Amino acid sequence: MLLIPDALSPDSPEFWIRLVASIICGGVIGLERQIRGKASGIRTSILICLGTSLYVALGATAERADPTRVLGQVVTGIGFLGAGVILTRQGRILGVTTAAIIWVTSAIGCLIGFGFVKTAVVCTALTIAILLGVEYLEEVLERHLHRGQVREIETTGQERRKAGWGRRSGDIHHIPETSARPEGD
């Protein structure tokens, strides 16, 4: 009879702790993305975290499996998934933060799969703090650095967020010059 490791046995509390941790960590990250109207929302983030944790747990506990090879294949697969969400539209690069979130969510799933649940929870909290804190810092810097300059902006930040896109650190913006040169000079 095949002995099922605790990490993969529904009869074990360890299995349920890892399962719930994957759902919560992926769900919290996905909730932040869902609120912002991004492509990778709650379901996607939960499935990335859960799937990664299951693959890693399987690779770490299987009798003749090499966990580093499984981890390498997960990293490769997630890289392709993340690359699929990066777009260029009208000279702007979109989706870089979403791709990075997919990468981080997978890494958190790897931590859970290897049994480092507390570390995964800390990394999830840190991820959310970065997403929220850096946006606030960007807005403060934007106001401070561009005070008094005339800027051409299609919509306000609030309108961009409602429309499902917005200025993030990966976006490219053009700030027009404030003084016009006379023609012919």
N, C-alpha and C. Protein backbone atom coordinates (compact mmCIF):
# COMPACT_ATOMS: atom_id res chain seq x y z
N MET A 1 0.83 -1.18 0.00
CA MET A 1 0.00 0.00 0.00
C MET A 1 0.88 1.25 0.00
N LEU A 2 0.48 2.25 -0.78
CA LEU A 2 1.22 3.50 -0.92
C LEU A 2 1.00 4.37 0.31
N LEU A 3 2.09 4.82 0.90
CA LEU A 3 2.02 5.71 2.06
C LEU A 3 1.94 7.15 1.56
N ILE A 4 0.85 7.84 1.88
CA ILE A 4 0.66 9.23 1.45
C ILE A 4 1.26 10.15 2.51
N PRO A 5 2.16 11.06 2.08
CA PRO A 5 2.75 11.99 3.04
C PRO A 5 1.69 12.92 3.63
N ASP A 6 1.95 13.39 4.85
CA ASP A 6 0.99 14.27 5.54
C ASP A 6 0.66 15.52 4.73
N ALA A 7 1.64 16.05 4.01
CA ALA A 7 1.42 17.28 3.24
C ALA A 7 0.38 17.08 2.13
N LEU A 8 0.13 15.83 1.74
CA LEU A 8 -0.82 15.55 0.65
C LEU A 8 -2.00 14.70 1.07
N SER A 9 -2.10 14.39 2.34
CA SER A 9 -3.19 13.54 2.84
C SER A 9 -4.31 14.38 3.45
N PRO A 10 -5.53 14.27 2.90
CA PRO A 10 -6.66 15.02 3.48
C PRO A 10 -6.99 14.60 4.91
N ASP A 11 -6.42 13.51 5.38
CA ASP A 11 -6.62 13.06 6.76
C ASP A 11 -5.69 13.78 7.73
N SER A 12 -4.75 14.55 7.21
CA SER A 12 -3.74 15.21 8.04
C SER A 12 -4.07 16.69 8.22
N PRO A 13 -3.89 17.21 9.45
CA PRO A 13 -4.08 18.66 9.67
C PRO A 13 -3.08 19.49 8.85
N GLU A 14 -1.89 18.96 8.62
CA GLU A 14 -0.88 19.68 7.84
C GLU A 14 -1.38 19.98 6.42
N PHE A 15 -2.07 19.02 5.82
CA PHE A 15 -2.64 19.21 4.49
C PHE A 15 -3.62 20.38 4.50
N TRP A 16 -4.51 20.41 5.48
CA TRP A 16 -5.54 21.45 5.54
C TRP A 16 -4.95 22.81 5.88
N ILE A 17 -3.93 22.84 6.72
CA ILE A 17 -3.26 24.11 7.04
C ILE A 17 -2.65 24.71 5.77
N ARG A 18 -1.97 23.86 4.99
CA ARG A 18 -1.35 24.34 3.75
C ARG A 18 -2.41 24.75 2.73
N LEU A 19 -3.46 23.99 2.64
CA LEU A 19 -4.53 24.30 1.70
C LEU A 19 -5.18 25.64 2.02
N VAL A 20 -5.55 25.82 3.28
CA VAL A 20 -6.19 27.07 3.71
C VAL A 20 -5.21 28.24 3.58
N ALA A 21 -3.94 28.03 3.93
CA ALA A 21 -2.94 29.10 3.79
C ALA A 21 -2.79 29.53 2.34
N SER A 22 -2.81 28.58 1.42
CA SER A 22 -2.71 28.90 -0.01
C SER A 22 -3.91 29.72 -0.47
N ILE A 23 -5.08 29.32 -0.02
CA ILE A 23 -6.31 30.03 -0.41
C ILE A 23 -6.33 31.44 0.18
N ILE A 24 -5.95 31.58 1.44
CA ILE A 24 -5.97 32.90 2.08
C ILE A 24 -4.90 33.82 1.49
N CYS A 25 -3.66 33.31 1.37
CA CYS A 25 -2.58 34.16 0.84
C CYS A 25 -2.87 34.58 -0.60
N GLY A 26 -3.25 33.63 -1.44
CA GLY A 26 -3.60 33.96 -2.81
C GLY A 26 -4.81 34.87 -2.88
N GLY A 27 -5.79 34.63 -2.01
CA GLY A 27 -7.02 35.42 -2.00
C GLY A 27 -6.79 36.86 -1.59
N VAL A 28 -5.93 37.08 -0.61
CA VAL A 28 -5.66 38.45 -0.15
C VAL A 28 -4.95 39.24 -1.25
N ILE A 29 -3.97 38.63 -1.89
CA ILE A 29 -3.28 39.30 -2.99
C ILE A 29 -4.25 39.54 -4.14
N GLY A 30 -5.05 38.53 -4.45
CA GLY A 30 -6.03 38.67 -5.53
C GLY A 30 -7.08 39.72 -5.25
N LEU A 31 -7.47 39.86 -3.99
CA LEU A 31 -8.46 40.87 -3.63
C LEU A 31 -7.94 42.27 -3.94
N GLU A 32 -6.68 42.52 -3.62
CA GLU A 32 -6.09 43.83 -3.91
C GLU A 32 -6.12 44.09 -5.42
N ARG A 33 -5.80 43.08 -6.21
CA ARG A 33 -5.80 43.24 -7.67
C ARG A 33 -7.23 43.37 -8.22
N GLN A 34 -8.15 42.63 -7.62
CA GLN A 34 -9.56 42.67 -8.06
C GLN A 34 -10.15 44.06 -7.82
N ILE A 35 -9.86 44.62 -6.66
CA ILE A 35 -10.37 45.95 -6.33
C ILE A 35 -9.88 46.98 -7.34
N ARG A 36 -8.68 46.81 -7.84
CA ARG A 36 -8.11 47.73 -8.82
C ARG A 36 -8.54 47.41 -10.25
N GLY A 37 -9.32 46.35 -10.42
CA GLY A 37 -9.81 45.99 -11.74
C GLY A 37 -8.75 45.38 -12.64
N LYS A 38 -7.78 44.70 -12.07
CA LYS A 38 -6.69 44.10 -12.84
C LYS A 38 -7.09 42.71 -13.33
N ALA A 39 -6.36 42.22 -14.34
CA ALA A 39 -6.68 40.94 -14.97
C ALA A 39 -6.51 39.76 -14.02
N SER A 40 -5.53 39.81 -13.18
CA SER A 40 -5.27 38.71 -12.25
C SER A 40 -5.96 39.03 -10.92
N GLY A 41 -7.17 38.51 -10.74
CA GLY A 41 -7.96 38.82 -9.55
C GLY A 41 -7.90 37.72 -8.51
N ILE A 42 -8.97 37.60 -7.76
CA ILE A 42 -9.03 36.67 -6.63
C ILE A 42 -8.87 35.23 -7.09
N ARG A 43 -9.70 34.79 -8.04
CA ARG A 43 -9.64 33.39 -8.48
C ARG A 43 -8.28 33.03 -9.04
N THR A 44 -7.76 33.88 -9.90
CA THR A 44 -6.46 33.59 -10.52
C THR A 44 -5.37 33.49 -9.48
N SER A 45 -5.32 34.42 -8.55
CA SER A 45 -4.27 34.42 -7.53
C SER A 45 -4.39 33.21 -6.61
N ILE A 46 -5.61 32.85 -6.22
CA ILE A 46 -5.80 31.66 -5.39
C ILE A 46 -5.31 30.42 -6.14
N LEU A 47 -5.69 30.30 -7.40
CA LEU A 47 -5.30 29.11 -8.17
C LEU A 47 -3.80 29.05 -8.40
N ILE A 48 -3.15 30.19 -8.61
CA ILE A 48 -1.69 30.19 -8.77
C ILE A 48 -1.03 29.74 -7.48
N CYS A 49 -1.45 30.29 -6.36
CA CYS A 49 -0.85 29.95 -5.06
C CYS A 49 -1.12 28.49 -4.70
N LEU A 50 -2.35 28.06 -4.87
CA LEU A 50 -2.73 26.69 -4.55
C LEU A 50 -2.03 25.68 -5.46
N GLY A 51 -2.06 25.93 -6.76
CA GLY A 51 -1.42 25.01 -7.70
C GLY A 51 0.07 24.89 -7.46
N THR A 52 0.72 26.02 -7.22
CA THR A 52 2.16 26.00 -6.96
C THR A 52 2.47 25.23 -5.69
N SER A 53 1.69 25.47 -4.64
CA SER A 53 1.95 24.76 -3.38
C SER A 53 1.75 23.26 -3.52
N LEU A 54 0.76 22.86 -4.30
CA LEU A 54 0.53 21.42 -4.50
C LEU A 54 1.64 20.77 -5.31
N TYR A 55 2.08 21.42 -6.38
CA TYR A 55 3.19 20.87 -7.17
C TYR A 55 4.46 20.76 -6.33
N VAL A 56 4.76 21.79 -5.56
CA VAL A 56 5.97 21.77 -4.75
C VAL A 56 5.87 20.72 -3.65
N ALA A 57 4.71 20.62 -3.00
CA ALA A 57 4.53 19.59 -1.96
C ALA A 57 4.67 18.20 -2.55
N LEU A 58 4.13 18.00 -3.73
CA LEU A 58 4.25 16.71 -4.41
C LEU A 58 5.71 16.41 -4.72
N GLY A 59 6.42 17.39 -5.26
CA GLY A 59 7.83 17.20 -5.58
C GLY A 59 8.70 17.01 -4.35
N ALA A 60 8.34 17.67 -3.25
CA ALA A 60 9.14 17.58 -2.03
C ALA A 60 8.89 16.29 -1.27
N THR A 61 7.76 15.65 -1.49
CA THR A 61 7.43 14.45 -0.70
C THR A 61 7.42 13.16 -1.51
N ALA A 62 7.46 13.26 -2.83
CA ALA A 62 7.46 12.05 -3.64
C ALA A 62 8.77 11.29 -3.43
N GLU A 63 8.67 9.96 -3.53
CA GLU A 63 9.80 9.10 -3.18
C GLU A 63 11.05 9.37 -4.01
N ARG A 64 10.89 9.44 -5.32
CA ARG A 64 12.09 9.61 -6.16
C ARG A 64 12.07 10.93 -6.94
N ALA A 65 11.48 11.93 -6.37
CA ALA A 65 11.42 13.23 -7.04
C ALA A 65 12.50 14.15 -6.50
N ASP A 66 12.98 15.02 -7.35
CA ASP A 66 13.95 16.04 -6.96
C ASP A 66 13.21 17.37 -6.81
N PRO A 67 13.06 17.85 -5.58
CA PRO A 67 12.30 19.08 -5.36
C PRO A 67 12.85 20.28 -6.14
N THR A 68 14.15 20.34 -6.35
CA THR A 68 14.72 21.48 -7.07
C THR A 68 14.30 21.46 -8.55
N ARG A 69 14.14 20.27 -9.11
CA ARG A 69 13.69 20.19 -10.51
C ARG A 69 12.23 20.61 -10.63
N VAL A 70 11.42 20.19 -9.67
CA VAL A 70 10.01 20.60 -9.66
C VAL A 70 9.93 22.12 -9.51
N LEU A 71 10.70 22.65 -8.60
CA LEU A 71 10.72 24.10 -8.38
C LEU A 71 11.15 24.84 -9.65
N GLY A 72 12.15 24.32 -10.34
CA GLY A 72 12.61 24.92 -11.58
C GLY A 72 11.53 24.94 -12.66
N GLN A 73 10.77 23.85 -12.73
CA GLN A 73 9.68 23.79 -13.72
C GLN A 73 8.54 24.75 -13.37
N VAL A 74 8.28 24.90 -12.08
CA VAL A 74 7.25 25.85 -11.64
C VAL A 74 7.67 27.27 -12.02
N VAL A 75 8.94 27.61 -11.77
CA VAL A 75 9.44 28.95 -12.09
C VAL A 75 9.32 29.21 -13.59
N THR A 76 9.67 28.21 -14.40
CA THR A 76 9.56 28.36 -15.86
C THR A 76 8.12 28.57 -16.29
N GLY A 77 7.22 27.76 -15.79
CA GLY A 77 5.80 27.88 -16.15
C GLY A 77 5.20 29.20 -15.73
N ILE A 78 5.53 29.64 -14.54
CA ILE A 78 5.01 30.92 -14.04
C ILE A 78 5.58 32.08 -14.85
N GLY A 79 6.83 31.94 -15.29
CA GLY A 79 7.42 32.97 -16.13
C GLY A 79 6.64 33.15 -17.43
N PHE A 80 6.22 32.05 -18.04
CA PHE A 80 5.41 32.13 -19.26
C PHE A 80 4.04 32.75 -18.96
N LEU A 81 3.45 32.37 -17.85
CA LEU A 81 2.15 32.92 -17.47
C LEU A 81 2.25 34.43 -17.25
N GLY A 82 3.29 34.86 -16.54
CA GLY A 82 3.50 36.28 -16.28
C GLY A 82 3.78 37.06 -17.56
N ALA A 83 4.55 36.46 -18.47
CA ALA A 83 4.86 37.14 -19.73
C ALA A 83 3.60 37.35 -20.56
N GLY A 84 2.63 36.47 -20.40
CA GLY A 84 1.40 36.58 -21.16
C GLY A 84 0.52 37.75 -20.78
N VAL A 85 0.75 38.35 -19.62
CA VAL A 85 -0.09 39.48 -19.21
C VAL A 85 0.53 40.83 -19.51
N ILE A 86 1.77 40.85 -19.99
CA ILE A 86 2.44 42.11 -20.31
C ILE A 86 2.06 42.50 -21.74
N LEU A 87 1.57 43.73 -21.88
CA LEU A 87 1.11 44.24 -23.17
C LEU A 87 1.77 45.58 -23.46
N THR A 88 1.84 45.92 -24.73
CA THR A 88 2.19 47.29 -25.09
C THR A 88 1.02 47.85 -25.88
N ARG A 89 0.62 49.04 -25.50
CA ARG A 89 -0.51 49.69 -26.15
C ARG A 89 -0.19 51.17 -26.29
N GLN A 90 -0.14 51.64 -27.52
CA GLN A 90 0.11 53.05 -27.82
C GLN A 90 1.38 53.56 -27.14
N GLY A 91 2.44 52.78 -27.21
CA GLY A 91 3.71 53.19 -26.63
C GLY A 91 3.82 53.01 -25.13
N ARG A 92 2.80 52.47 -24.50
CA ARG A 92 2.81 52.26 -23.04
C ARG A 92 2.99 50.78 -22.76
N ILE A 93 3.73 50.48 -21.74
CA ILE A 93 3.90 49.10 -21.31
C ILE A 93 2.95 48.86 -20.14
N LEU A 94 2.08 47.88 -20.29
CA LEU A 94 1.06 47.59 -19.28
C LEU A 94 1.23 46.16 -18.76
N GLY A 95 0.88 45.94 -17.53
CA GLY A 95 0.83 44.60 -16.97
C GLY A 95 2.09 44.13 -16.28
N VAL A 96 3.09 44.98 -16.15
CA VAL A 96 4.33 44.55 -15.51
C VAL A 96 4.10 44.24 -14.03
N THR A 97 3.33 45.08 -13.36
CA THR A 97 3.05 44.83 -11.94
C THR A 97 2.23 43.55 -11.78
N THR A 98 1.26 43.32 -12.67
CA THR A 98 0.47 42.10 -12.61
C THR A 98 1.35 40.88 -12.82
N ALA A 99 2.28 40.96 -13.76
CA ALA A 99 3.21 39.85 -13.99
C ALA A 99 4.07 39.60 -12.75
N ALA A 100 4.52 40.68 -12.11
CA ALA A 100 5.31 40.53 -10.88
C ALA A 100 4.48 39.92 -9.76
N ILE A 101 3.21 40.29 -9.68
CA ILE A 101 2.32 39.72 -8.67
C ILE A 101 2.14 38.22 -8.90
N ILE A 102 2.00 37.81 -10.15
CA ILE A 102 1.90 36.38 -10.46
C ILE A 102 3.16 35.67 -9.99
N TRP A 103 4.30 36.27 -10.23
CA TRP A 103 5.59 35.70 -9.82
C TRP A 103 5.66 35.56 -8.29
N VAL A 104 5.31 36.63 -7.59
CA VAL A 104 5.38 36.62 -6.12
C VAL A 104 4.36 35.64 -5.53
N THR A 105 3.15 35.61 -6.09
CA THR A 105 2.12 34.69 -5.60
C THR A 105 2.58 33.24 -5.75
N SER A 106 3.25 32.95 -6.84
CA SER A 106 3.79 31.61 -7.04
C SER A 106 4.89 31.31 -6.01
N ALA A 107 5.74 32.29 -5.75
CA ALA A 107 6.80 32.09 -4.75
C ALA A 107 6.20 31.83 -3.37
N ILE A 108 5.13 32.52 -3.05
CA ILE A 108 4.44 32.29 -1.77
C ILE A 108 3.86 30.88 -1.75
N GLY A 109 3.30 30.43 -2.87
CA GLY A 109 2.82 29.06 -2.97
C GLY A 109 3.94 28.05 -2.78
N CYS A 110 5.13 28.35 -3.30
CA CYS A 110 6.29 27.47 -3.10
C CYS A 110 6.64 27.37 -1.62
N LEU A 111 6.64 28.50 -0.94
CA LEU A 111 6.92 28.49 0.50
C LEU A 111 5.92 27.59 1.23
N ILE A 112 4.66 27.73 0.89
CA ILE A 112 3.63 26.91 1.54
C ILE A 112 3.83 25.44 1.20
N GLY A 113 4.15 25.14 -0.05
CA GLY A 113 4.38 23.76 -0.46
C GLY A 113 5.53 23.10 0.28
N PHE A 114 6.54 23.88 0.59
CA PHE A 114 7.68 23.35 1.35
C PHE A 114 7.42 23.36 2.86
N GLY A 115 6.27 23.90 3.28
CA GLY A 115 5.91 23.88 4.69
C GLY A 115 6.24 25.14 5.46
N PHE A 116 6.67 26.18 4.79
CA PHE A 116 7.01 27.44 5.45
C PHE A 116 5.80 28.38 5.46
N VAL A 117 4.76 27.97 6.18
CA VAL A 117 3.49 28.69 6.15
C VAL A 117 3.61 30.07 6.80
N LYS A 118 4.28 30.17 7.92
CA LYS A 118 4.41 31.47 8.59
C LYS A 118 5.18 32.46 7.71
N THR A 119 6.22 31.98 7.06
CA THR A 119 6.99 32.84 6.15
C THR A 119 6.11 33.31 5.00
N ALA A 120 5.27 32.42 4.50
CA ALA A 120 4.36 32.77 3.39
C ALA A 120 3.38 33.86 3.82
N VAL A 121 2.87 33.77 5.04
CA VAL A 121 1.93 34.78 5.54
C VAL A 121 2.63 36.13 5.67
N VAL A 122 3.86 36.13 6.18
CA VAL A 122 4.63 37.37 6.29
C VAL A 122 4.89 37.97 4.91
N CYS A 123 5.26 37.13 3.95
CA CYS A 123 5.53 37.62 2.58
C CYS A 123 4.25 38.14 1.93
N THR A 124 3.11 37.55 2.22
CA THR A 124 1.84 38.04 1.70
C THR A 124 1.55 39.43 2.26
N ALA A 125 1.73 39.60 3.55
CA ALA A 125 1.51 40.91 4.18
C ALA A 125 2.47 41.95 3.61
N LEU A 126 3.71 41.57 3.40
CA LEU A 126 4.70 42.47 2.83
C LEU A 126 4.33 42.86 1.39
N THR A 127 3.83 41.90 0.63
CA THR A 127 3.41 42.17 -0.74
C THR A 127 2.29 43.21 -0.77
N ILE A 128 1.29 43.03 0.07
CA ILE A 128 0.18 43.98 0.14
C ILE A 128 0.67 45.34 0.60
N ALA A 129 1.57 45.36 1.58
CA ALA A 129 2.12 46.64 2.06
C ALA A 129 2.87 47.36 0.94
N ILE A 130 3.61 46.62 0.13
CA ILE A 130 4.33 47.23 -0.99
C ILE A 130 3.34 47.78 -2.01
N LEU A 131 2.35 47.00 -2.37
CA LEU A 131 1.37 47.45 -3.36
C LEU A 131 0.66 48.72 -2.92
N LEU A 132 0.25 48.77 -1.67
CA LEU A 132 -0.48 49.93 -1.17
C LEU A 132 0.45 51.09 -0.83
N GLY A 133 1.55 50.79 -0.17
CA GLY A 133 2.48 51.83 0.28
C GLY A 133 3.21 52.52 -0.85
N VAL A 134 3.63 51.78 -1.85
CA VAL A 134 4.35 52.39 -2.96
C VAL A 134 3.42 53.27 -3.78
N GLU A 135 2.17 52.87 -3.93
CA GLU A 135 1.22 53.72 -4.65
C GLU A 135 1.07 55.06 -3.92
N TYR A 136 0.95 55.03 -2.61
CA TYR A 136 0.83 56.27 -1.83
C TYR A 136 2.10 57.11 -2.01
N LEU A 137 3.26 56.47 -1.93
CA LEU A 137 4.52 57.18 -2.10
C LEU A 137 4.62 57.80 -3.50
N GLU A 138 4.19 57.07 -4.52
CA GLU A 138 4.20 57.60 -5.89
C GLU A 138 3.31 58.84 -6.00
N GLU A 139 2.13 58.81 -5.38
CA GLU A 139 1.23 59.95 -5.43
C GLU A 139 1.83 61.17 -4.72
N VAL A 140 2.47 60.96 -3.58
CA VAL A 140 3.11 62.05 -2.85
C VAL A 140 4.24 62.64 -3.68
N LEU A 141 5.07 61.79 -4.24
CA LEU A 141 6.18 62.27 -5.07
C LEU A 141 5.67 63.01 -6.31
N GLU A 142 4.62 62.48 -6.91
CA GLU A 142 4.02 63.11 -8.09
C GLU A 142 3.58 64.53 -7.76
N ARG A 143 2.90 64.70 -6.65
CA ARG A 143 2.43 66.03 -6.26
C ARG A 143 3.60 66.96 -5.94
N HIS A 144 4.60 66.45 -5.25
CA HIS A 144 5.74 67.27 -4.83
C HIS A 144 6.63 67.64 -6.02
N LEU A 145 6.94 66.70 -6.87
CA LEU A 145 7.87 66.95 -7.97
C LEU A 145 7.27 67.78 -9.08
N HIS A 146 5.97 67.68 -9.30
CA HIS A 146 5.35 68.35 -10.42
C HIS A 146 4.44 69.50 -10.00
N ARG A 147 4.68 70.05 -8.82
CA ARG A 147 3.89 71.16 -8.32
C ARG A 147 4.13 72.38 -9.20
N GLY A 148 3.05 72.97 -9.69
CA GLY A 148 3.15 74.18 -10.48
C GLY A 148 3.41 73.95 -11.96
N GLN A 149 3.61 72.72 -12.39
CA GLN A 149 3.83 72.44 -13.80
C GLN A 149 2.51 72.18 -14.50
N VAL A 150 2.44 72.58 -15.76
CA VAL A 150 1.26 72.29 -16.57
C VAL A 150 1.45 70.89 -17.14
N ARG A 151 0.45 70.03 -16.94
CA ARG A 151 0.55 68.66 -17.43
C ARG A 151 -0.68 68.32 -18.23
N GLU A 152 -0.47 67.54 -19.26
CA GLU A 152 -1.59 67.04 -20.05
C GLU A 152 -1.90 65.64 -19.56
N ILE A 153 -3.05 65.50 -18.95
CA ILE A 153 -3.47 64.19 -18.45
C ILE A 153 -4.86 63.93 -18.99
N GLU A 154 -5.03 62.76 -19.58
CA GLU A 154 -6.32 62.42 -20.18
C GLU A 154 -7.42 62.34 -19.12
N THR A 155 -7.12 61.68 -18.01
CA THR A 155 -8.11 61.49 -16.96
C THR A 155 -7.43 61.62 -15.61
N THR A 156 -8.22 61.72 -14.56
CA THR A 156 -7.66 61.77 -13.22
C THR A 156 -7.33 60.36 -12.75
N GLY A 157 -6.54 60.25 -11.69
CA GLY A 157 -6.17 58.95 -11.14
C GLY A 157 -7.39 58.13 -10.74
N GLN A 158 -8.38 58.79 -10.16
CA GLN A 158 -9.60 58.09 -9.75
C GLN A 158 -10.32 57.52 -10.96
N GLU A 159 -10.41 58.30 -12.04
CA GLU A 159 -11.07 57.82 -13.26
C GLU A 159 -10.30 56.66 -13.88
N ARG A 160 -8.96 56.73 -13.83
CA ARG A 160 -8.15 55.63 -14.36
C ARG A 160 -8.41 54.35 -13.58
N ARG A 161 -8.48 54.46 -12.26
CA ARG A 161 -8.71 53.26 -11.44
C ARG A 161 -10.10 52.68 -11.71
N LYS A 162 -11.09 53.54 -11.88
CA LYS A 162 -12.44 53.05 -12.19
C LYS A 162 -12.47 52.36 -13.53
N ALA A 163 -11.69 52.85 -14.48
CA ALA A 163 -11.65 52.25 -15.81
C ALA A 163 -10.82 50.98 -15.85
N GLY A 164 -10.11 50.67 -14.77
CA GLY A 164 -9.33 49.44 -14.72
C GLY A 164 -7.89 49.59 -15.16
N TRP A 165 -7.41 50.80 -15.34
CA TRP A 165 -6.00 51.01 -15.64
C TRP A 165 -5.53 52.24 -14.90
N GLY A 166 -4.26 52.35 -14.67
CA GLY A 166 -3.79 53.50 -13.93
C GLY A 166 -2.29 53.63 -13.99
N ARG A 167 -1.80 54.69 -13.44
CA ARG A 167 -0.37 54.94 -13.43
C ARG A 167 0.27 54.12 -12.33
N ARG A 168 1.21 53.34 -12.72
CA ARG A 168 1.99 52.56 -11.77
C ARG A 168 3.46 52.80 -12.10
N SER A 169 4.33 52.32 -11.27
CA SER A 169 5.75 52.57 -11.47
C SER A 169 6.26 52.01 -12.79
N GLY A 170 5.60 51.03 -13.39
CA GLY A 170 6.03 50.48 -14.66
C GLY A 170 5.48 51.20 -15.87
N ASP A 171 4.54 52.12 -15.67
CA ASP A 171 3.93 52.84 -16.79
C ASP A 171 4.85 53.97 -17.26
N ILE A 172 4.73 54.29 -18.53
CA ILE A 172 5.53 55.36 -19.12
C ILE A 172 4.62 56.56 -19.32
N HIS A 173 5.06 57.73 -18.87
CA HIS A 173 4.27 58.94 -19.02
C HIS A 173 5.14 60.03 -19.63
N HIS A 174 4.52 60.86 -20.42
CA HIS A 174 5.22 61.97 -21.04
C HIS A 174 4.75 63.26 -20.39
N ILE A 175 5.69 64.05 -19.89
CA ILE A 175 5.37 65.34 -19.31
C ILE A 175 5.80 66.38 -20.32
N PRO A 176 4.85 67.10 -20.92
CA PRO A 176 5.21 68.09 -21.94
C PRO A 176 5.96 69.26 -21.33
N GLU A 177 6.76 69.91 -22.16
CA GLU A 177 7.48 71.08 -21.70
C GLU A 177 6.48 72.19 -21.41
N THR A 178 6.78 73.01 -20.40
CA THR A 178 5.86 74.07 -20.02
C THR A 178 6.06 75.33 -20.82
N SER A 179 7.21 75.50 -21.45
CA SER A 179 7.42 76.71 -22.25
C SER A 179 7.53 76.32 -23.72
N ALA A 180 6.83 77.04 -24.56
CA ALA A 180 6.85 76.74 -25.99
C ALA A 180 7.95 77.56 -26.66
N ARG A 181 8.65 76.94 -27.59
CA ARG A 181 9.70 77.64 -28.34
C ARG A 181 9.08 78.30 -29.56
N PRO A 182 9.55 79.49 -29.91
CA PRO A 182 9.07 80.12 -31.15
C PRO A 182 9.54 79.31 -32.35
N GLU A 183 8.69 79.20 -33.35
CA GLU A 183 9.05 78.43 -34.53
C GLU A 183 10.14 79.13 -35.31
N GLY A 184 11.02 78.36 -35.93
CA GLY A 184 12.07 78.89 -36.76
C GLY A 184 13.35 79.17 -36.00
N ASP A 185 13.38 79.02 -34.70
CA ASP A 185 14.61 79.26 -33.93
C ASP A 185 15.38 77.99 -33.73
